[in-house]
Amino acid sequence: MRSWHEAEGHTQPCFFDRGVPDVVGYLRLSELTIPRHLENAIEKFRYNRIVFIAPPWREIYVQDTERKQSFDVAIATYHAMVKTYRMYDYQLIELPCVSVEERVDFILSRIKPC
């Protein structure tokens, strides 16, 4: 939410690696209760309706100190995020499994200038 506030009022596009709905996705994945204050935060800290989502990609997937999930858990997480973002009326655009440069071009071709 701090990042959301920091980006508020920017005239150039801002990209977030994660959003408030991700917390709900992880809670659902863990079969935990979703607190009402989190539902309120999702309504208050609304992102652009369009969200880019990256599917798990086996060919480049590696576990490391930052990415501790197994590939199977990454797939389950992906599905939980898709379901969660759709539940909150976000339009998902799946990123293609192509080079970084091609993914950047893909994203930039689909955003509207401010």
Protein backbone atom coordinates (compact mmCIF):
# COMPACT_ATOMS: atom_id res chain seq x y z
CA MET A 1 0.00 0.00 0.00
CA ARG A 2 2.96 2.28 0.60
CA SER A 3 4.11 1.71 -2.99
CA TRP A 4 0.60 2.48 -4.22
CA HIS A 5 0.71 5.83 -2.38
CA GLU A 6 4.20 6.58 -3.69
CA ALA A 7 2.99 6.06 -7.27
CA GLU A 8 -0.14 8.15 -6.81
CA GLY A 9 -0.12 11.16 -9.09
CA HIS A 10 2.69 9.94 -11.36
CA THR A 11 2.15 10.88 -14.97
CA GLN A 12 4.13 7.94 -16.35
CA PRO A 13 3.03 4.31 -16.09
CA CYS A 14 4.10 2.55 -12.88
CA PHE A 15 4.43 -1.20 -12.63
CA PHE A 16 3.98 -3.20 -9.44
CA ASP A 17 5.41 -6.68 -9.04
CA ARG A 18 2.68 -7.57 -6.58
CA GLY A 19 -0.62 -6.04 -5.53
CA VAL A 20 -2.92 -6.12 -2.54
CA PRO A 21 -5.05 -8.88 -4.15
CA ASP A 22 -1.99 -11.14 -4.12
CA VAL A 23 -2.32 -11.36 -0.34
CA VAL A 24 -5.83 -12.77 -0.77
CA GLY A 25 -4.51 -15.21 -3.36
CA TYR A 26 -1.87 -16.50 -0.94
CA LEU A 27 -4.42 -16.74 1.89
CA ARG A 28 -6.79 -18.69 -0.34
CA LEU A 29 -3.95 -20.96 -1.46
CA SER A 30 -3.17 -21.65 2.21
CA GLU A 31 -6.90 -22.09 2.99
CA LEU A 32 -6.83 -19.24 5.50
CA THR A 33 -9.53 -16.72 6.33
CA ILE A 34 -9.54 -13.44 4.42
CA PRO A 35 -9.91 -10.58 6.92
CA ARG A 36 -12.41 -7.84 6.17
CA HIS A 37 -9.76 -5.11 6.40
CA LEU A 38 -7.97 -6.76 3.49
CA GLU A 39 -11.17 -6.71 1.41
CA ASN A 40 -11.46 -3.00 2.25
CA ALA A 41 -7.85 -2.37 1.23
CA ILE A 42 -8.42 -4.06 -2.13
CA GLU A 43 -11.34 -1.73 -2.81
CA LYS A 44 -9.47 1.37 -1.65
CA PHE A 45 -6.12 0.67 -3.32
CA ARG A 46 -7.43 -0.12 -6.78
CA TYR A 47 -4.86 -0.61 -9.53
CA ASN A 48 -5.36 -0.21 -13.22
CA ARG A 49 -8.06 -2.65 -14.28
CA ILE A 50 -5.56 -4.38 -16.58
CA VAL A 51 -3.10 -6.69 -14.85
CA PHE A 52 -0.30 -8.55 -16.60
CA ILE A 53 0.24 -12.01 -15.21
CA ALA A 54 3.15 -14.34 -15.88
CA PRO A 55 2.39 -18.04 -15.98
CA PRO A 56 4.90 -20.51 -14.57
CA TRP A 57 7.38 -21.38 -17.30
CA ARG A 58 9.19 -24.64 -16.70
CA GLU A 59 12.08 -23.91 -19.06
CA ILE A 60 13.25 -20.92 -17.03
CA TYR A 61 11.94 -21.85 -13.58
CA VAL A 62 14.57 -22.20 -10.87
CA GLN A 63 14.33 -22.29 -7.10
CA ASP A 64 16.66 -19.95 -5.25
CA THR A 65 16.79 -17.87 -2.07
CA GLU A 66 13.98 -15.62 -3.38
CA ARG A 67 11.86 -18.23 -5.16
CA LYS A 68 11.41 -21.08 -2.70
CA GLN A 69 8.28 -22.64 -4.23
CA SER A 70 8.44 -25.86 -6.18
CA PHE A 71 7.20 -25.67 -9.75
CA ASP A 72 3.97 -27.47 -8.75
CA VAL A 73 3.32 -24.91 -6.01
CA ALA A 74 4.08 -22.12 -8.50
CA ILE A 75 1.36 -23.52 -10.78
CA ALA A 76 -1.13 -23.64 -7.90
CA THR A 77 -0.15 -20.08 -6.93
CA TYR A 78 -0.66 -18.89 -10.49
CA HIS A 79 -4.17 -20.38 -10.58
CA ALA A 80 -5.00 -18.83 -7.19
CA MET A 81 -3.86 -15.41 -8.44
CA VAL A 82 -5.87 -15.70 -11.65
CA LYS A 83 -9.00 -16.60 -9.69
CA THR A 84 -8.41 -13.84 -7.14
CA TYR A 85 -7.75 -11.02 -9.59
CA ARG A 86 -10.79 -12.02 -11.64
CA MET A 87 -12.87 -12.11 -8.45
CA TYR A 88 -11.97 -8.43 -7.92
CA ASP A 89 -12.84 -7.55 -11.53
CA TYR A 90 -9.37 -7.11 -12.96
CA GLN A 91 -8.75 -7.93 -16.62
CA LEU A 92 -5.82 -10.31 -16.88
CA ILE A 93 -3.41 -10.35 -19.76
CA GLU A 94 -1.14 -13.37 -19.73
CA LEU A 95 2.45 -12.69 -20.64
CA PRO A 96 3.82 -14.90 -23.42
CA CYS A 97 6.71 -17.25 -22.72
CA VAL A 98 9.21 -15.36 -24.86
CA SER A 99 12.43 -13.43 -24.27
CA VAL A 100 12.53 -10.58 -21.75
CA GLU A 101 12.78 -8.05 -24.58
CA GLU A 102 9.74 -9.53 -26.32
CA ARG A 103 7.75 -9.48 -23.07
CA VAL A 104 8.65 -5.82 -22.55
CA ASP A 105 7.49 -5.03 -26.10
CA PHE A 106 4.32 -7.04 -25.48
CA ILE A 107 3.49 -5.04 -22.34
CA LEU A 108 4.38 -1.64 -23.78
CA SER A 109 2.21 -2.31 -26.85
CA ARG A 110 -0.79 -2.89 -24.58
CA ILE A 111 -0.62 0.04 -22.21
CA LYS A 112 -2.14 3.40 -22.91
CA PRO A 113 0.06 6.46 -22.57
CA CYS A 114 -0.88 8.81 -19.73
